[in-house]
Amino acid sequence: GLEAVSIDRLVLSGTAPSARTVAEGF
């Protein structure tokens, strides 16, 4: 029952102190 007004692609940068931090997060 909804209609899309807009669907926009957005690219933003994220940061992490280390790859290990990201691995532990997942």
mmCIF file of all heavy atoms, coordinates in Angstrom:
data_MODEL
# 
_entry.id   MODEL 
# 
loop_
_atom_site.group_PDB 
_atom_site.id 
_atom_site.type_symbol 
_atom_site.label_atom_id 
_atom_site.label_alt_id 
_atom_site.label_comp_id 
_atom_site.label_asym_id 
_atom_site.label_entity_id 
_atom_site.label_seq_id 
_atom_site.pdbx_PDB_ins_code 
_atom_site.Cartn_x 
_atom_site.Cartn_y 
_atom_site.Cartn_z 
_atom_site.occupancy 
_atom_site.B_iso_or_equiv 
_atom_site.pdbx_formal_charge 
_atom_site.auth_seq_id 
_atom_site.auth_comp_id 
_atom_site.auth_asym_id 
_atom_site.auth_atom_id 
_atom_site.pdbx_PDB_model_num 
ATOM 1   N N   . GLY A 1 1  ? 0.792  -1.226  0.000  1.00 0.00 ? 1  GLY A N   1 
ATOM 2   C CA  . GLY A 1 1  ? 0.000  0.000   0.000  1.00 0.00 ? 1  GLY A CA  1 
ATOM 3   C C   . GLY A 1 1  ? 0.821  1.271   0.000  1.00 0.00 ? 1  GLY A C   1 
ATOM 4   O O   . GLY A 1 1  ? 0.303  2.348   0.312  1.00 0.00 ? 1  GLY A O   1 
ATOM 5   N N   . LEU A 1 2  ? 2.088  1.175   -0.364 1.00 0.00 ? 2  LEU A N   1 
ATOM 6   C CA  . LEU A 1 2  ? 2.963  2.338   -0.444 1.00 0.00 ? 2  LEU A CA  1 
ATOM 7   C C   . LEU A 1 2  ? 3.490  2.483   -1.867 1.00 0.00 ? 2  LEU A C   1 
ATOM 8   O O   . LEU A 1 2  ? 3.533  1.517   -2.629 1.00 0.00 ? 2  LEU A O   1 
ATOM 9   C CB  . LEU A 1 2  ? 4.143  2.208   0.524  1.00 0.00 ? 2  LEU A CB  1 
ATOM 10  C CG  . LEU A 1 2  ? 3.812  2.172   2.019  1.00 0.00 ? 2  LEU A CG  1 
ATOM 11  C CD1 . LEU A 1 2  ? 5.048  1.754   2.822  1.00 0.00 ? 2  LEU A CD1 1 
ATOM 12  C CD2 . LEU A 1 2  ? 3.312  3.535   2.500  1.00 0.00 ? 2  LEU A CD2 1 
ATOM 13  N N   . GLU A 1 3  ? 3.917  3.678   -2.200 1.00 0.00 ? 3  GLU A N   1 
ATOM 14  C CA  . GLU A 1 3  ? 4.493  3.943   -3.515 1.00 0.00 ? 3  GLU A CA  1 
ATOM 15  C C   . GLU A 1 3  ? 5.820  4.664   -3.343 1.00 0.00 ? 3  GLU A C   1 
ATOM 16  O O   . GLU A 1 3  ? 5.910  5.645   -2.595 1.00 0.00 ? 3  GLU A O   1 
ATOM 17  C CB  . GLU A 1 3  ? 3.546  4.806   -4.338 1.00 0.00 ? 3  GLU A CB  1 
ATOM 18  C CG  . GLU A 1 3  ? 4.046  5.085   -5.749 1.00 0.00 ? 3  GLU A CG  1 
ATOM 19  C CD  . GLU A 1 3  ? 3.039  5.859   -6.568 1.00 0.00 ? 3  GLU A CD  1 
ATOM 20  O OE1 . GLU A 1 3  ? 2.188  6.559   -5.971 1.00 0.00 ? 3  GLU A OE1 1 
ATOM 21  O OE2 . GLU A 1 3  ? 3.103  5.766   -7.808 1.00 0.00 ? 3  GLU A OE2 1 
ATOM 22  N N   . ALA A 1 4  ? 6.849  4.183   -4.031 1.00 0.00 ? 4  ALA A N   1 
ATOM 23  C CA  . ALA A 1 4  ? 8.165  4.812   -3.937 1.00 0.00 ? 4  ALA A CA  1 
ATOM 24  C C   . ALA A 1 4  ? 8.137  6.186   -4.607 1.00 0.00 ? 4  ALA A C   1 
ATOM 25  O O   . ALA A 1 4  ? 7.787  6.305   -5.777 1.00 0.00 ? 4  ALA A O   1 
ATOM 26  C CB  . ALA A 1 4  ? 9.217  3.930   -4.590 1.00 0.00 ? 4  ALA A CB  1 
ATOM 27  N N   . VAL A 1 5  ? 8.503  7.210   -3.856 1.00 0.00 ? 5  VAL A N   1 
ATOM 28  C CA  . VAL A 1 5  ? 8.681  8.549   -4.411 1.00 0.00 ? 5  VAL A CA  1 
ATOM 29  C C   . VAL A 1 5  ? 10.067 8.662   -5.032 1.00 0.00 ? 5  VAL A C   1 
ATOM 30  O O   . VAL A 1 5  ? 10.253 9.247   -6.096 1.00 0.00 ? 5  VAL A O   1 
ATOM 31  C CB  . VAL A 1 5  ? 8.487  9.615   -3.323 1.00 0.00 ? 5  VAL A CB  1 
ATOM 32  C CG1 . VAL A 1 5  ? 8.785  11.011  -3.869 1.00 0.00 ? 5  VAL A CG1 1 
ATOM 33  C CG2 . VAL A 1 5  ? 7.076  9.544   -2.745 1.00 0.00 ? 5  VAL A CG2 1 
ATOM 34  N N   . SER A 1 6  ? 11.044 8.061   -4.356 1.00 0.00 ? 6  SER A N   1 
ATOM 35  C CA  . SER A 1 6  ? 12.420 8.073   -4.859 1.00 0.00 ? 6  SER A CA  1 
ATOM 36  C C   . SER A 1 6  ? 13.176 6.891   -4.292 1.00 0.00 ? 6  SER A C   1 
ATOM 37  O O   . SER A 1 6  ? 12.926 6.454   -3.163 1.00 0.00 ? 6  SER A O   1 
ATOM 38  C CB  . SER A 1 6  ? 13.134 9.376   -4.490 1.00 0.00 ? 6  SER A CB  1 
ATOM 39  O OG  . SER A 1 6  ? 13.198 9.535   -3.080 1.00 0.00 ? 6  SER A OG  1 
ATOM 40  N N   . ILE A 1 7  ? 14.094 6.341   -5.093 1.00 0.00 ? 7  ILE A N   1 
ATOM 41  C CA  . ILE A 1 7  ? 15.041 5.321   -4.649 1.00 0.00 ? 7  ILE A CA  1 
ATOM 42  C C   . ILE A 1 7  ? 16.397 5.761   -5.188 1.00 0.00 ? 7  ILE A C   1 
ATOM 43  O O   . ILE A 1 7  ? 16.670 5.651   -6.385 1.00 0.00 ? 7  ILE A O   1 
ATOM 44  C CB  . ILE A 1 7  ? 14.682 3.917   -5.155 1.00 0.00 ? 7  ILE A CB  1 
ATOM 45  C CG1 . ILE A 1 7  ? 13.283 3.515   -4.679 1.00 0.00 ? 7  ILE A CG1 1 
ATOM 46  C CG2 . ILE A 1 7  ? 15.713 2.894   -4.677 1.00 0.00 ? 7  ILE A CG2 1 
ATOM 47  C CD1 . ILE A 1 7  ? 12.846 2.122   -5.134 1.00 0.00 ? 7  ILE A CD1 1 
ATOM 48  N N   . ASP A 1 8  ? 17.234 6.288   -4.309 1.00 0.00 ? 8  ASP A N   1 
ATOM 49  C CA  . ASP A 1 8  ? 18.500 6.895   -4.724 1.00 0.00 ? 8  ASP A CA  1 
ATOM 50  C C   . ASP A 1 8  ? 19.679 6.115   -4.159 1.00 0.00 ? 8  ASP A C   1 
ATOM 51  O O   . ASP A 1 8  ? 19.685 5.732   -2.982 1.00 0.00 ? 8  ASP A O   1 
ATOM 52  C CB  . ASP A 1 8  ? 18.580 8.346   -4.244 1.00 0.00 ? 8  ASP A CB  1 
ATOM 53  C CG  . ASP A 1 8  ? 17.499 9.216   -4.862 1.00 0.00 ? 8  ASP A CG  1 
ATOM 54  O OD1 . ASP A 1 8  ? 17.230 9.050   -6.065 1.00 0.00 ? 8  ASP A OD1 1 
ATOM 55  O OD2 . ASP A 1 8  ? 16.911 10.052  -4.135 1.00 0.00 ? 8  ASP A OD2 1 
ATOM 56  N N   . ARG A 1 9  ? 20.671 5.916   -4.992 1.00 0.00 ? 9  ARG A N   1 
ATOM 57  C CA  . ARG A 1 9  ? 21.901 5.235   -4.567 1.00 0.00 ? 9  ARG A CA  1 
ATOM 58  C C   . ARG A 1 9  ? 22.790 6.243   -3.841 1.00 0.00 ? 9  ARG A C   1 
ATOM 59  O O   . ARG A 1 9  ? 23.008 7.364   -4.321 1.00 0.00 ? 9  ARG A O   1 
ATOM 60  C CB  . ARG A 1 9  ? 22.621 4.683   -5.796 1.00 0.00 ? 9  ARG A CB  1 
ATOM 61  C CG  . ARG A 1 9  ? 23.625 3.575   -5.526 1.00 0.00 ? 9  ARG A CG  1 
ATOM 62  C CD  . ARG A 1 9  ? 24.004 2.914   -6.849 1.00 0.00 ? 9  ARG A CD  1 
ATOM 63  N NE  . ARG A 1 9  ? 24.844 1.749   -6.665 1.00 0.00 ? 9  ARG A NE  1 
ATOM 64  C CZ  . ARG A 1 9  ? 26.152 1.741   -6.863 1.00 0.00 ? 9  ARG A CZ  1 
ATOM 65  N NH1 . ARG A 1 9  ? 26.768 2.852   -7.232 1.00 0.00 ? 9  ARG A NH1 1 
ATOM 66  N NH2 . ARG A 1 9  ? 26.858 0.643   -6.709 1.00 0.00 ? 9  ARG A NH2 1 
ATOM 67  N N   . LEU A 1 10 ? 23.300 5.848   -2.683 1.00 0.00 ? 10 LEU A N   1 
ATOM 68  C CA  . LEU A 1 10 ? 24.120 6.741   -1.861 1.00 0.00 ? 10 LEU A CA  1 
ATOM 69  C C   . LEU A 1 10 ? 25.407 6.017   -1.475 1.00 0.00 ? 10 LEU A C   1 
ATOM 70  O O   . LEU A 1 10 ? 25.371 4.895   -0.967 1.00 0.00 ? 10 LEU A O   1 
ATOM 71  C CB  . LEU A 1 10 ? 23.355 7.156   -0.606 1.00 0.00 ? 10 LEU A CB  1 
ATOM 72  C CG  . LEU A 1 10 ? 24.053 8.104   0.360  1.00 0.00 ? 10 LEU A CG  1 
ATOM 73  C CD1 . LEU A 1 10 ? 24.342 9.451   -0.301 1.00 0.00 ? 10 LEU A CD1 1 
ATOM 74  C CD2 . LEU A 1 10 ? 23.216 8.302   1.628  1.00 0.00 ? 10 LEU A CD2 1 
ATOM 75  N N   . VAL A 1 11 ? 26.528 6.664   -1.713 1.00 0.00 ? 11 VAL A N   1 
ATOM 76  C CA  . VAL A 1 11 ? 27.839 6.101   -1.385 1.00 0.00 ? 11 VAL A CA  1 
ATOM 77  C C   . VAL A 1 11 ? 28.505 7.006   -0.352 1.00 0.00 ? 11 VAL A C   1 
ATOM 78  O O   . VAL A 1 11 ? 28.726 8.194   -0.611 1.00 0.00 ? 11 VAL A O   1 
ATOM 79  C CB  . VAL A 1 11 ? 28.734 5.983   -2.636 1.00 0.00 ? 11 VAL A CB  1 
ATOM 80  C CG1 . VAL A 1 11 ? 30.087 5.382   -2.269 1.00 0.00 ? 11 VAL A CG1 1 
ATOM 81  C CG2 . VAL A 1 11 ? 28.056 5.139   -3.702 1.00 0.00 ? 11 VAL A CG2 1 
ATOM 82  N N   . LEU A 1 12 ? 28.816 6.453   0.825  1.00 0.00 ? 12 LEU A N   1 
ATOM 83  C CA  . LEU A 1 12 ? 29.454 7.202   1.903  1.00 0.00 ? 12 LEU A CA  1 
ATOM 84  C C   . LEU A 1 12 ? 30.604 6.377   2.478  1.00 0.00 ? 12 LEU A C   1 
ATOM 85  O O   . LEU A 1 12 ? 30.592 5.150   2.416  1.00 0.00 ? 12 LEU A O   1 
ATOM 86  C CB  . LEU A 1 12 ? 28.455 7.528   3.015  1.00 0.00 ? 12 LEU A CB  1 
ATOM 87  C CG  . LEU A 1 12 ? 27.287 8.453   2.647  1.00 0.00 ? 12 LEU A CG  1 
ATOM 88  C CD1 . LEU A 1 12 ? 26.326 8.565   3.824  1.00 0.00 ? 12 LEU A CD1 1 
ATOM 89  C CD2 . LEU A 1 12 ? 27.788 9.831   2.230  1.00 0.00 ? 12 LEU A CD2 1 
ATOM 90  N N   . SER A 1 13 ? 31.572 7.065   3.070  1.00 0.00 ? 13 SER A N   1 
ATOM 91  C CA  . SER A 1 13 ? 32.744 6.385   3.629  1.00 0.00 ? 13 SER A CA  1 
ATOM 92  C C   . SER A 1 13 ? 32.550 6.072   5.102  1.00 0.00 ? 13 SER A C   1 
ATOM 93  O O   . SER A 1 13 ? 32.030 6.888   5.868  1.00 0.00 ? 13 SER A O   1 
ATOM 94  C CB  . SER A 1 13 ? 33.990 7.263   3.458  1.00 0.00 ? 13 SER A CB  1 
ATOM 95  O OG  . SER A 1 13 ? 34.312 7.409   2.101  1.00 0.00 ? 13 SER A OG  1 
ATOM 96  N N   . GLY A 1 14 ? 32.983 4.873   5.485  1.00 0.00 ? 14 GLY A N   1 
ATOM 97  C CA  . GLY A 1 14 ? 33.008 4.470   6.880  1.00 0.00 ? 14 GLY A CA  1 
ATOM 98  C C   . GLY A 1 14 ? 34.436 4.222   7.334  1.00 0.00 ? 14 GLY A C   1 
ATOM 99  O O   . GLY A 1 14 ? 35.331 4.013   6.510  1.00 0.00 ? 14 GLY A O   1 
ATOM 100 N N   . THR A 1 15 ? 34.655 4.252   8.634  1.00 0.00 ? 15 THR A N   1 
ATOM 101 C CA  . THR A 1 15 ? 36.008 4.105   9.177  1.00 0.00 ? 15 THR A CA  1 
ATOM 102 C C   . THR A 1 15 ? 36.054 3.003   10.233 1.00 0.00 ? 15 THR A C   1 
ATOM 103 O O   . THR A 1 15 ? 35.040 2.678   10.865 1.00 0.00 ? 15 THR A O   1 
ATOM 104 C CB  . THR A 1 15 ? 36.493 5.418   9.804  1.00 0.00 ? 15 THR A CB  1 
ATOM 105 O OG1 . THR A 1 15 ? 35.624 5.779   10.894 1.00 0.00 ? 15 THR A OG1 1 
ATOM 106 C CG2 . THR A 1 15 ? 36.513 6.536   8.775  1.00 0.00 ? 15 THR A CG2 1 
ATOM 107 N N   . ALA A 1 16 ? 37.243 2.439   10.398 1.00 0.00 ? 16 ALA A N   1 
ATOM 108 C CA  . ALA A 1 16 ? 37.475 1.429   11.428 1.00 0.00 ? 16 ALA A CA  1 
ATOM 109 C C   . ALA A 1 16 ? 38.925 1.526   11.870 1.00 0.00 ? 16 ALA A C   1 
ATOM 110 O O   . ALA A 1 16 ? 39.809 1.810   11.058 1.00 0.00 ? 16 ALA A O   1 
ATOM 111 C CB  . ALA A 1 16 ? 37.184 0.034   10.892 1.00 0.00 ? 16 ALA A CB  1 
ATOM 112 N N   . PRO A 1 17 ? 39.207 1.300   13.159 1.00 0.00 ? 17 PRO A N   1 
ATOM 113 C CA  . PRO A 1 17 ? 40.597 1.352   13.623 1.00 0.00 ? 17 PRO A CA  1 
ATOM 114 C C   . PRO A 1 17 ? 41.457 0.239   13.055 1.00 0.00 ? 17 PRO A C   1 
ATOM 115 O O   . PRO A 1 17 ? 42.671 0.382   12.951 1.00 0.00 ? 17 PRO A O   1 
ATOM 116 C CB  . PRO A 1 17 ? 40.472 1.241   15.147 1.00 0.00 ? 17 PRO A CB  1 
ATOM 117 C CG  . PRO A 1 17 ? 39.136 0.631   15.385 1.00 0.00 ? 17 PRO A CG  1 
ATOM 118 C CD  . PRO A 1 17 ? 38.264 1.086   14.267 1.00 0.00 ? 17 PRO A CD  1 
ATOM 119 N N   . SER A 1 18 ? 40.833 -0.882  12.672 1.00 0.00 ? 18 SER A N   1 
ATOM 120 C CA  . SER A 1 18 ? 41.592 -2.006  12.132 1.00 0.00 ? 18 SER A CA  1 
ATOM 121 C C   . SER A 1 18 ? 40.641 -2.967  11.439 1.00 0.00 ? 18 SER A C   1 
ATOM 122 O O   . SER A 1 18 ? 39.429 -2.959  11.672 1.00 0.00 ? 18 SER A O   1 
ATOM 123 C CB  . SER A 1 18 ? 42.336 -2.754  13.245 1.00 0.00 ? 18 SER A CB  1 
ATOM 124 O OG  . SER A 1 18 ? 41.411 -3.393  14.106 1.00 0.00 ? 18 SER A OG  1 
ATOM 125 N N   . ALA A 1 19 ? 41.217 -3.827  10.607 1.00 0.00 ? 19 ALA A N   1 
ATOM 126 C CA  . ALA A 1 19 ? 40.414 -4.878  9.982  1.00 0.00 ? 19 ALA A CA  1 
ATOM 127 C C   . ALA A 1 19 ? 39.917 -5.864  11.033 1.00 0.00 ? 19 ALA A C   1 
ATOM 128 O O   . ALA A 1 19 ? 38.828 -6.429  10.897 1.00 0.00 ? 19 ALA A O   1 
ATOM 129 C CB  . ALA A 1 19 ? 41.245 -5.594  8.923  1.00 0.00 ? 19 ALA A CB  1 
ATOM 130 N N   . ARG A 1 20 ? 40.700 -6.080  12.081 1.00 0.00 ? 20 ARG A N   1 
ATOM 131 C CA  . ARG A 1 20 ? 40.271 -6.983  13.155 1.00 0.00 ? 20 ARG A CA  1 
ATOM 132 C C   . ARG A 1 20 ? 38.995 -6.472  13.809 1.00 0.00 ? 20 ARG A C   1 
ATOM 133 O O   . ARG A 1 20 ? 38.098 -7.269  14.131 1.00 0.00 ? 20 ARG A O   1 
ATOM 134 C CB  . ARG A 1 20 ? 41.371 -7.126  14.208 1.00 0.00 ? 20 ARG A CB  1 
ATOM 135 C CG  . ARG A 1 20 ? 40.924 -7.885  15.469 1.00 0.00 ? 20 ARG A CG  1 
ATOM 136 C CD  . ARG A 1 20 ? 42.074 -8.219  16.383 1.00 0.00 ? 20 ARG A CD  1 
ATOM 137 N NE  . ARG A 1 20 ? 42.855 -9.312  15.811 1.00 0.00 ? 20 ARG A NE  1 
ATOM 138 C CZ  . ARG A 1 20 ? 42.553 -10.601 15.965 1.00 0.00 ? 20 ARG A CZ  1 
ATOM 139 N NH1 . ARG A 1 20 ? 41.484 -10.971 16.668 1.00 0.00 ? 20 ARG A NH1 1 
ATOM 140 N NH2 . ARG A 1 20 ? 43.312 -11.526 15.440 1.00 0.00 ? 20 ARG A NH2 1 
ATOM 141 N N   . THR A 1 21 ? 38.879 -5.168  14.004 1.00 0.00 ? 21 THR A N   1 
ATOM 142 C CA  . THR A 1 21 ? 37.675 -4.608  14.609 1.00 0.00 ? 21 THR A CA  1 
ATOM 143 C C   . THR A 1 21 ? 36.449 -4.952  13.767 1.00 0.00 ? 21 THR A C   1 
ATOM 144 O O   . THR A 1 21 ? 35.412 -5.360  14.287 1.00 0.00 ? 21 THR A O   1 
ATOM 145 C CB  . THR A 1 21 ? 37.798 -3.084  14.748 1.00 0.00 ? 21 THR A CB  1 
ATOM 146 O OG1 . THR A 1 21 ? 38.922 -2.773  15.573 1.00 0.00 ? 21 THR A OG1 1 
ATOM 147 C CG2 . THR A 1 21 ? 36.547 -2.482  15.370 1.00 0.00 ? 21 THR A CG2 1 
ATOM 148 N N   . VAL A 1 22 ? 36.558 -4.791  12.454 1.00 0.00 ? 22 VAL A N   1 
ATOM 149 C CA  . VAL A 1 22 ? 35.435 -5.097  11.565 1.00 0.00 ? 22 VAL A CA  1 
ATOM 150 C C   . VAL A 1 22 ? 35.119 -6.590  11.611 1.00 0.00 ? 22 VAL A C   1 
ATOM 151 O O   . VAL A 1 22 ? 33.948 -6.989  11.681 1.00 0.00 ? 22 VAL A O   1 
ATOM 152 C CB  . VAL A 1 22 ? 35.735 -4.654  10.127 1.00 0.00 ? 22 VAL A CB  1 
ATOM 153 C CG1 . VAL A 1 22 ? 34.566 -4.988  9.213  1.00 0.00 ? 22 VAL A CG1 1 
ATOM 154 C CG2 . VAL A 1 22 ? 36.040 -3.160  10.073 1.00 0.00 ? 22 VAL A CG2 1 
ATOM 155 N N   . ALA A 1 23 ? 36.149 -7.416  11.589 1.00 0.00 ? 23 ALA A N   1 
ATOM 156 C CA  . ALA A 1 23 ? 35.941 -8.862  11.653 1.00 0.00 ? 23 ALA A CA  1 
ATOM 157 C C   . ALA A 1 23 ? 35.226 -9.259  12.938 1.00 0.00 ? 23 ALA A C   1 
ATOM 158 O O   . ALA A 1 23 ? 34.296 -10.080 12.923 1.00 0.00 ? 23 ALA A O   1 
ATOM 159 C CB  . ALA A 1 23 ? 37.273 -9.591  11.539 1.00 0.00 ? 23 ALA A CB  1 
ATOM 160 N N   . GLU A 1 24 ? 35.653 -8.689  14.059 1.00 0.00 ? 24 GLU A N   1 
ATOM 161 C CA  . GLU A 1 24 ? 35.007 -8.989  15.336 1.00 0.00 ? 24 GLU A CA  1 
ATOM 162 C C   . GLU A 1 24 ? 33.566 -8.495  15.346 1.00 0.00 ? 24 GLU A C   1 
ATOM 163 O O   . GLU A 1 24 ? 32.683 -9.140  15.921 1.00 0.00 ? 24 GLU A O   1 
ATOM 164 C CB  . GLU A 1 24 ? 35.799 -8.378  16.477 1.00 0.00 ? 24 GLU A CB  1 
ATOM 165 C CG  . GLU A 1 24 ? 37.142 -9.053  16.705 1.00 0.00 ? 24 GLU A CG  1 
ATOM 166 C CD  . GLU A 1 24 ? 37.973 -8.364  17.782 1.00 0.00 ? 24 GLU A CD  1 
ATOM 167 O OE1 . GLU A 1 24 ? 37.593 -7.236  18.194 1.00 0.00 ? 24 GLU A OE1 1 
ATOM 168 O OE2 . GLU A 1 24 ? 38.987 -8.955  18.202 1.00 0.00 ? 24 GLU A OE2 1 
ATOM 169 N N   . GLY A 1 25 ? 33.321 -7.352  14.703 1.00 0.00 ? 25 GLY A N   1 
ATOM 170 C CA  . GLY A 1 25 ? 31.961 -6.848  14.637 1.00 0.00 ? 25 GLY A CA  1 
ATOM 171 C C   . GLY A 1 25 ? 31.031 -7.818  13.941 1.00 0.00 ? 25 GLY A C   1 
ATOM 172 O O   . GLY A 1 25 ? 29.929 -8.114  14.423 1.00 0.00 ? 25 GLY A O   1 
ATOM 173 N N   . PHE A 1 26 ? 31.459 -8.331  12.792 1.00 0.00 ? 26 PHE A N   1 
ATOM 174 C CA  . PHE A 1 26 ? 30.640 -9.293  12.064 1.00 0.00 ? 26 PHE A CA  1 
ATOM 175 C C   . PHE A 1 26 ? 30.546 -10.628 12.796 1.00 0.00 ? 26 PHE A C   1 
ATOM 176 O O   . PHE A 1 26 ? 29.463 -11.221 12.914 1.00 0.00 ? 26 PHE A O   1 
ATOM 177 C CB  . PHE A 1 26 ? 31.217 -9.533  10.669 1.00 0.00 ? 26 PHE A CB  1 
ATOM 178 C CG  . PHE A 1 26 ? 30.872 -8.474  9.670  1.00 0.00 ? 26 PHE A CG  1 
ATOM 179 C CD1 . PHE A 1 26 ? 31.874 -7.699  9.101  1.00 0.00 ? 26 PHE A CD1 1 
ATOM 180 C CD2 . PHE A 1 26 ? 29.570 -8.256  9.285  1.00 0.00 ? 26 PHE A CD2 1 
ATOM 181 C CE1 . PHE A 1 26 ? 31.569 -6.720  8.157  1.00 0.00 ? 26 PHE A CE1 1 
ATOM 182 C CE2 . PHE A 1 26 ? 29.247 -7.287  8.348  1.00 0.00 ? 26 PHE A CE2 1 
ATOM 183 C CZ  . PHE A 1 26 ? 30.254 -6.512  7.785  1.00 0.00 ? 26 PHE A CZ  1 
# 
